[in-house]
PDB file of N, CA and C in Angstrom:
ATOM      1  N   MET A   1      -5.669 -22.375   5.479  1.00  0.00           N
ATOM      2  CA  MET A   1      -4.897 -21.065   5.339  1.00  0.00           C
ATOM      3  C   MET A   1      -5.459 -20.322   6.338  1.00  0.00           C
ATOM      4  N   GLU A   2      -4.351 -19.595   7.033  1.00  0.00           N
ATOM      5  CA  GLU A   2      -4.677 -18.580   8.145  1.00  0.00           C
ATOM      6  C   GLU A   2      -5.263 -17.286   7.641  1.00  0.00           C
ATOM      7  N   ALA A   3      -6.125 -16.790   8.350  1.00  0.00           N
ATOM      8  CA  ALA A   3      -6.844 -15.364   8.035  1.00  0.00           C
ATOM      9  C   ALA A   3      -5.833 -14.420   8.096  1.00  0.00           C
ATOM     10  N   LEU A   4      -6.038 -13.216   7.293  1.00  0.00           N
ATOM     11  CA  LEU A   4      -5.100 -12.137   7.346  1.00  0.00           C
ATOM     12  C   LEU A   4      -6.023 -10.987   7.901  1.00  0.00           C
ATOM     13  N   LYS A   5      -5.627 -10.422   8.988  1.00  0.00           N
ATOM     14  CA  LYS A   5      -6.368  -9.429   9.702  1.00  0.00           C
ATOM     15  C   LYS A   5      -6.223  -8.091   8.868  1.00  0.00           C
ATOM     16  N   ILE A   6      -7.430  -7.616   8.429  1.00  0.00           N
ATOM     17  CA  ILE A   6      -7.478  -6.205   7.878  1.00  0.00           C
ATOM     18  C   ILE A   6      -8.068  -5.304   8.977  1.00  0.00           C
ATOM     19  N   VAL A   7      -7.258  -4.159   9.233  1.00  0.00           N
ATOM     20  CA  VAL A   7      -7.771  -3.276  10.231  1.00  0.00           C
ATOM     21  C   VAL A   7      -8.939  -2.385   9.726  1.00  0.00           C
ATOM     22  N   GLU A   8      -9.794  -2.447  10.565  1.00  0.00           N
ATOM     23  CA  GLU A   8     -11.091  -1.634  10.372  1.00  0.00           C
ATOM     24  C   GLU A   8     -10.917  -0.197  10.935  1.00  0.00           C
ATOM     25  N   LYS A   9     -11.252   0.791  10.021  1.00  0.00           N
ATOM     26  CA  LYS A   9     -11.170   2.164  10.453  1.00  0.00           C
ATOM     27  C   LYS A   9      -9.981   2.615  11.115  1.00  0.00           C
ATOM     28  N   PRO A  10      -8.786   2.391  10.580  1.00  0.00           N
ATOM     29  CA  PRO A  10      -7.507   2.789  11.279  1.00  0.00           C
ATOM     30  C   PRO A  10      -7.482   4.227  11.570  1.00  0.00           C
ATOM     31  N   SER A  11      -7.033   4.480  12.800  1.00  0.00           N
ATOM     32  CA  SER A  11      -6.955   5.779  13.278  1.00  0.00           C
ATOM     33  C   SER A  11      -5.715   6.744  12.844  1.00  0.00           C
ATOM     34  N   ASP A  12      -4.777   5.927  12.388  1.00  0.00           N
ATOM     35  CA  ASP A  12      -3.417   6.571  11.976  1.00  0.00           C
ATOM     36  C   ASP A  12      -2.917   6.027  10.719  1.00  0.00           C
ATOM     37  N   ILE A  13      -3.261   6.748   9.643  1.00  0.00           N
ATOM     38  CA  ILE A  13      -2.668   6.441   8.256  1.00  0.00           C
ATOM     39  C   ILE A  13      -1.604   7.561   7.917  1.00  0.00           C
ATOM     40  N   THR A  14      -0.469   6.965   7.515  1.00  0.00           N
ATOM     41  CA  THR A  14       0.528   7.907   6.980  1.00  0.00           C
ATOM     42  C   THR A  14       0.891   7.473   5.674  1.00  0.00           C
ATOM     43  N   TRP A  15       1.365   8.440   4.899  1.00  0.00           N
ATOM     44  CA  TRP A  15       1.825   8.272   3.498  1.00  0.00           C
ATOM     45  C   TRP A  15       2.918   9.104   3.064  1.00  0.00           C
ATOM     46  N   ASP A  16       3.748   8.580   2.031  1.00  0.00           N
ATOM     47  CA  ASP A  16       4.804   9.361   1.508  1.00  0.00           C
ATOM     48  C   ASP A  16       4.778   9.055  -0.013  1.00  0.00           C
ATOM     49  N   TYR A  17       5.145  10.204  -0.743  1.00  0.00           N
ATOM     50  CA  TYR A  17       5.216   9.902  -2.179  1.00  0.00           C
ATOM     51  C   TYR A  17       6.566  10.240  -2.669  1.00  0.00           C
ATOM     52  N   ASP A  18       7.153   9.307  -3.497  1.00  0.00           N
ATOM     53  CA  ASP A  18       8.426   9.546  -4.068  1.00  0.00           C
ATOM     54  C   ASP A  18       8.214   9.929  -5.416  1.00  0.00           C
ATOM     55  N   GLU A  19       8.310  11.298  -5.826  1.00  0.00           N
ATOM     56  CA  GLU A  19       8.098  11.874  -7.106  1.00  0.00           C
ATOM     57  C   GLU A  19       9.039  11.249  -8.124  1.00  0.00           C
ATOM     58  N   GLU A  20      10.152  11.214  -7.729  1.00  0.00           N
ATOM     59  CA  GLU A  20      11.142  10.837  -8.764  1.00  0.00           C
ATOM     60  C   GLU A  20      10.871   9.117  -9.268  1.00  0.00           C
ATOM     61  N   ALA A  21      10.588   8.369  -8.384  1.00  0.00           N
ATOM     62  CA  ALA A  21      10.232   7.029  -8.553  1.00  0.00           C
ATOM     63  C   ALA A  21       8.857   6.864  -9.087  1.00  0.00           C
ATOM     64  N   ASP A  22       7.876   7.912  -8.715  1.00  0.00           N
ATOM     65  CA  ASP A  22       6.432   7.859  -8.942  1.00  0.00           C
ATOM     66  C   ASP A  22       5.895   6.612  -8.075  1.00  0.00           C
ATOM     67  N   VAL A  23       6.179   6.596  -6.812  1.00  0.00           N
ATOM     68  CA  VAL A  23       5.639   5.469  -6.055  1.00  0.00           C
ATOM     69  C   VAL A  23       5.044   6.228  -4.639  1.00  0.00           C
ATOM     70  N   LEU A  24       3.781   5.629  -4.356  1.00  0.00           N
ATOM     71  CA  LEU A  24       3.112   6.083  -3.337  1.00  0.00           C
ATOM     72  C   LEU A  24       3.148   5.002  -2.146  1.00  0.00           C
ATOM     73  N   TYR A  25       3.652   5.340  -1.073  1.00  0.00           N
ATOM     74  CA  TYR A  25       3.710   4.364   0.126  1.00  0.00           C
ATOM     75  C   TYR A  25       2.619   4.901   1.225  1.00  0.00           C
ATOM     76  N   ILE A  26       1.779   3.904   1.510  1.00  0.00           N
ATOM     77  CA  ILE A  26       0.703   3.949   2.542  1.00  0.00           C
ATOM     78  C   ILE A  26       0.919   3.232   3.658  1.00  0.00           C
ATOM     79  N   SER A  27       0.940   3.668   4.940  1.00  0.00           N
ATOM     80  CA  SER A  27       1.092   2.890   6.014  1.00  0.00           C
ATOM     81  C   SER A  27       0.004   3.024   7.101  1.00  0.00           C
ATOM     82  N   VAL A  28      -0.310   1.923   7.764  1.00  0.00           N
ATOM     83  CA  VAL A  28      -1.486   1.987   8.775  1.00  0.00           C
ATOM     84  C   VAL A  28      -0.385   2.190   9.998  1.00  0.00           C
ATOM     85  N   GLY A  29      -0.459   3.283  10.621  1.00  0.00           N
ATOM     86  CA  GLY A  29       0.264   3.580  11.777  1.00  0.00           C
ATOM     87  C   GLY A  29       1.720   3.895  11.379  1.00  0.00           C
ATOM     88  N   GLU A  30       2.590   3.956  12.061  1.00  0.00           N
ATOM     89  CA  GLU A  30       3.995   4.304  11.727  1.00  0.00           C
ATOM     90  C   GLU A  30       4.504   3.242  10.857  1.00  0.00           C
ATOM     91  N   PRO A  31       5.277   3.558   9.639  1.00  0.00           N
ATOM     92  CA  PRO A  31       5.962   2.511   8.922  1.00  0.00           C
ATOM     93  C   PRO A  31       6.803   1.608   9.595  1.00  0.00           C
ATOM     94  N   CYS A  32       6.780   0.424   9.355  1.00  0.00           N
ATOM     95  CA  CYS A  32       7.593  -0.687  10.082  1.00  0.00           C
ATOM     96  C   CYS A  32       7.922  -1.757   9.118  1.00  0.00           C
ATOM     97  N   PRO A  33       8.844  -2.481   9.546  1.00  0.00           N
ATOM     98  CA  PRO A  33       9.328  -3.545   8.664  1.00  0.00           C
ATOM     99  C   PRO A  33       8.123  -4.552   8.346  1.00  0.00           C
ATOM    100  N   ALA A  34       8.088  -5.038   7.107  1.00  0.00           N
ATOM    101  CA  ALA A  34       6.908  -5.839   6.680  1.00  0.00           C
ATOM    102  C   ALA A  34       7.304  -6.634   5.592  1.00  0.00           C
ATOM    103  N   LEU A  35       6.577  -7.664   5.361  1.00  0.00           N
ATOM    104  CA  LEU A  35       6.587  -8.596   4.144  1.00  0.00           C
ATOM    105  C   LEU A  35       5.877  -7.998   3.016  1.00  0.00           C
ATOM    106  N   GLY A  36       6.302  -7.800   1.947  1.00  0.00           N
ATOM    107  CA  GLY A  36       5.637  -7.337   0.766  1.00  0.00           C
ATOM    108  C   GLY A  36       4.953  -8.474  -0.245  1.00  0.00           C
ATOM    109  N   MET A  37       3.872  -8.418  -0.662  1.00  0.00           N
ATOM    110  CA  MET A  37       3.378  -9.505  -1.611  1.00  0.00           C
ATOM    111  C   MET A  37       2.740  -8.572  -2.745  1.00  0.00           C
ATOM    112  N   ASP A  38       3.318  -8.885  -3.963  1.00  0.00           N
ATOM    113  CA  ASP A  38       2.729  -8.297  -5.241  1.00  0.00           C
ATOM    114  C   ASP A  38       1.408  -8.851  -5.493  1.00  0.00           C
ATOM    115  N   ILE A  39       0.367  -7.944  -5.494  1.00  0.00           N
ATOM    116  CA  ILE A  39      -0.916  -8.501  -5.686  1.00  0.00           C
ATOM    117  C   ILE A  39      -1.287  -8.161  -7.316  1.00  0.00           C
ATOM    118  N   GLY A  40      -0.440  -7.658  -7.965  1.00  0.00           N
ATOM    119  CA  GLY A  40      -0.828  -7.314  -9.415  1.00  0.00           C
ATOM    120  C   GLY A  40      -0.898  -5.949  -9.690  1.00  0.00           C
ATOM    121  N   GLU A  41      -0.689  -5.553 -10.929  1.00  0.00           N
ATOM    122  CA  GLU A  41      -0.783  -4.209 -11.479  1.00  0.00           C
ATOM    123  C   GLU A  41      -0.062  -3.086 -10.637  1.00  0.00           C
ATOM    124  N   GLY A  42       1.098  -3.357 -10.204  1.00  0.00           N
ATOM    125  CA  GLY A  42       1.763  -2.465  -9.492  1.00  0.00           C
ATOM    126  C   GLY A  42       1.384  -2.192  -8.136  1.00  0.00           C
ATOM    127  N   VAL A  43       0.650  -3.139  -7.450  1.00  0.00           N
ATOM    128  CA  VAL A  43       0.277  -2.939  -6.160  1.00  0.00           C
ATOM    129  C   VAL A  43       0.976  -3.963  -5.103  1.00  0.00           C
ATOM    130  N   ILE A  44       1.544  -3.310  -4.104  1.00  0.00           N
ATOM    131  CA  ILE A  44       2.313  -4.260  -3.191  1.00  0.00           C
ATOM    132  C   ILE A  44       1.530  -4.156  -1.789  1.00  0.00           C
ATOM    133  N   LEU A  45       1.038  -5.225  -1.407  1.00  0.00           N
ATOM    134  CA  LEU A  45       0.485  -5.326  -0.038  1.00  0.00           C
ATOM    135  C   LEU A  45       1.549  -5.539   0.960  1.00  0.00           C
ATOM    136  N   ARG A  46       1.609  -4.868   1.939  1.00  0.00           N
ATOM    137  CA  ARG A  46       2.604  -5.041   3.006  1.00  0.00           C
ATOM    138  C   ARG A  46       1.956  -5.599   4.389  1.00  0.00           C
ATOM    139  N   TYR A  47       2.490  -6.583   4.862  1.00  0.00           N
ATOM    140  CA  TYR A  47       1.794  -7.196   6.066  1.00  0.00           C
ATOM    141  C   TYR A  47       2.763  -7.584   7.032  1.00  0.00           C
ATOM    142  N   ASP A  48       2.480  -7.622   8.305  1.00  0.00           N
ATOM    143  CA  ASP A  48       3.123  -7.979   9.522  1.00  0.00           C
ATOM    144  C   ASP A  48       2.953  -9.495   9.743  1.00  0.00           C
ATOM    145  N   GLU A  49       3.812 -10.362   9.422  1.00  0.00           N
ATOM    146  CA  GLU A  49       3.576 -11.765   9.640  1.00  0.00           C
ATOM    147  C   GLU A  49       3.199 -12.215  10.932  1.00  0.00           C
ATOM    148  N   ALA A  50       3.878 -11.686  11.900  1.00  0.00           N
ATOM    149  CA  ALA A  50       3.657 -12.013  13.410  1.00  0.00           C
ATOM    150  C   ALA A  50       2.323 -11.670  13.857  1.00  0.00           C
ATOM    151  N   LYS A  51       1.848 -10.463  13.467  1.00  0.00           N
ATOM    152  CA  LYS A  51       0.501 -10.003  13.858  1.00  0.00           C
ATOM    153  C   LYS A  51      -0.622 -10.438  12.820  1.00  0.00           C
ATOM    154  N   LYS A  52      -0.201 -11.006  11.805  1.00  0.00           N
ATOM    155  CA  LYS A  52      -1.169 -11.407  10.631  1.00  0.00           C
ATOM    156  C   LYS A  52      -2.059 -10.218  10.277  1.00  0.00           C
ATOM    157  N   GLU A  53      -1.512  -9.138  10.090  1.00  0.00           N
ATOM    158  CA  GLU A  53      -2.416  -7.955   9.733  1.00  0.00           C
ATOM    159  C   GLU A  53      -1.670  -7.135   8.612  1.00  0.00           C
ATOM    160  N   VAL A  54      -2.469  -6.417   7.830  1.00  0.00           N
ATOM    161  CA  VAL A  54      -1.998  -5.483   6.932  1.00  0.00           C
ATOM    162  C   VAL A  54      -1.459  -4.256   7.495  1.00  0.00           C
ATOM    163  N   VAL A  55      -0.324  -3.693   7.126  1.00  0.00           N
ATOM    164  CA  VAL A  55       0.350  -2.585   7.581  1.00  0.00           C
ATOM    165  C   VAL A  55       0.547  -1.489   6.558  1.00  0.00           C
ATOM    166  N   GLY A  56       0.319  -1.807   5.326  1.00  0.00           N
ATOM    167  CA  GLY A  56       0.414  -0.777   4.248  1.00  0.00           C
ATOM    168  C   GLY A  56       0.245  -1.397   2.927  1.00  0.00           C
ATOM    169  N   LEU A  57       0.311  -0.421   2.004  1.00  0.00           N
ATOM    170  CA  LEU A  57       0.088  -0.632   0.637  1.00  0.00           C
ATOM    171  C   LEU A  57       1.280   0.215  -0.192  1.00  0.00           C
ATOM    172  N   THR A  58       1.807  -0.327  -1.217  1.00  0.00           N
ATOM    173  CA  THR A  58       2.767   0.511  -2.076  1.00  0.00           C
ATOM    174  C   THR A  58       2.132   0.474  -3.408  1.00  0.00           C
ATOM    175  N   LEU A  59       1.952   1.739  -4.149  1.00  0.00           N
ATOM    176  CA  LEU A  59       1.362   1.872  -5.319  1.00  0.00           C
ATOM    177  C   LEU A  59       2.430   2.390  -6.308  1.00  0.00           C
ATOM    178  N   ILE A  60       2.852   1.597  -7.237  1.00  0.00           N
ATOM    179  CA  ILE A  60       3.721   1.901  -8.261  1.00  0.00           C
ATOM    180  C   ILE A  60       3.198   2.496  -9.553  1.00  0.00           C
ATOM    181  N   GLY A  61       3.844   3.603  -9.938  1.00  0.00           N
ATOM    182  CA  GLY A  61       3.302   4.265 -11.148  1.00  0.00           C
ATOM    183  C   GLY A  61       2.035   5.122 -10.942  1.00  0.00           C
ATOM    184  N   LEU A  62       1.919   5.763  -9.733  1.00  0.00           N
ATOM    185  CA  LEU A  62       0.740   6.499  -9.373  1.00  0.00           C
ATOM    186  C   LEU A  62       0.463   7.664 -10.353  1.00  0.00           C
ATOM    187  N   ARG A  63       1.402   8.372 -10.948  1.00  0.00           N
ATOM    188  CA  ARG A  63       1.135   9.573 -11.781  1.00  0.00           C
ATOM    189  C   ARG A  63       0.287   8.950 -12.996  1.00  0.00           C
ATOM    190  N   GLU A  64       0.871   7.826 -13.640  1.00  0.00           N
ATOM    191  CA  GLU A  64       0.225   7.263 -14.797  1.00  0.00           C
ATOM    192  C   GLU A  64      -1.190   6.679 -14.456  1.00  0.00           C
ATOM    193  N   ARG A  65      -1.381   6.316 -13.263  1.00  0.00           N
ATOM    194  CA  ARG A  65      -2.761   5.703 -12.962  1.00  0.00           C
ATOM    195  C   ARG A  65      -3.585   7.013 -12.885  1.00  0.00           C
ATOM    196  N   LEU A  66      -3.193   8.015 -12.243  1.00  0.00           N
ATOM    197  CA  LEU A  66      -4.133   9.222 -12.098  1.00  0.00           C
ATOM    198  C   LEU A  66      -4.353   9.937 -13.576  1.00  0.00           C
ATOM    199  N   GLN A  67      -3.399   9.970 -14.367  1.00  0.00           N
ATOM    200  CA  GLN A  67      -3.614  10.623 -15.607  1.00  0.00           C
ATOM    201  C   GLN A  67      -4.515   9.748 -16.501  1.00  0.00           C
ATOM    202  N   LYS A  68      -4.474   8.411 -16.450  1.00  0.00           N
ATOM    203  CA  LYS A  68      -5.130   7.406 -17.082  1.00  0.00           C
ATOM    204  C   LYS A  68      -6.681   7.524 -16.548  1.00  0.00           C
ATOM    205  N   GLY A  69      -6.791   7.652 -15.244  1.00  0.00           N
ATOM    206  CA  GLY A  69      -8.187   7.628 -14.690  1.00  0.00           C
ATOM    207  C   GLY A  69      -8.876   9.091 -14.998  1.00  0.00           C
ATOM    208  N   LEU A  70      -8.176  10.112 -14.990  1.00  0.00           N
ATOM    209  CA  LEU A  70      -8.599  11.482 -15.481  1.00  0.00           C
ATOM    210  C   LEU A  70      -9.080  11.497 -16.922  1.00  0.00           C
ATOM    211  N   LYS A  71      -8.361  10.750 -17.755  1.00  0.00           N
ATOM    212  CA  LYS A  71      -8.884  10.727 -19.065  1.00  0.00           C
ATOM    213  C   LYS A  71     -10.086   9.781 -19.315  1.00  0.00           C
ATOM    214  N   GLY A  72     -10.346   8.923 -18.288  1.00  0.00           N
ATOM    215  CA  GLY A  72     -11.406   7.956 -18.556  1.00  0.00           C
ATOM    216  C   GLY A  72     -11.061   6.746 -19.264  1.00  0.00           C
ATOM    217  N   ASP A  73      -9.690   6.469 -19.371  1.00  0.00           N
ATOM    218  CA  ASP A  73      -9.279   5.247 -20.147  1.00  0.00           C
ATOM    219  C   ASP A  73      -9.643   3.938 -19.340  1.00  0.00           C
TER     220      ASP A  73
END
């Protein structure tokens, strides 16, 4: 199995939150086309196949996660 490069201390992280869909998109650098892999519990890992590196994360249901965390559930 090939190694997946995870960027150490990225200098440029961007994010966008879709309030209506309750989805947080986090990108390392400028958002770019990427392959998504569902890693469970509403978290999608986005990676560039050519470079073999992580380029972002998508978190589905952020509002619920935050409310649950604040309640201590």
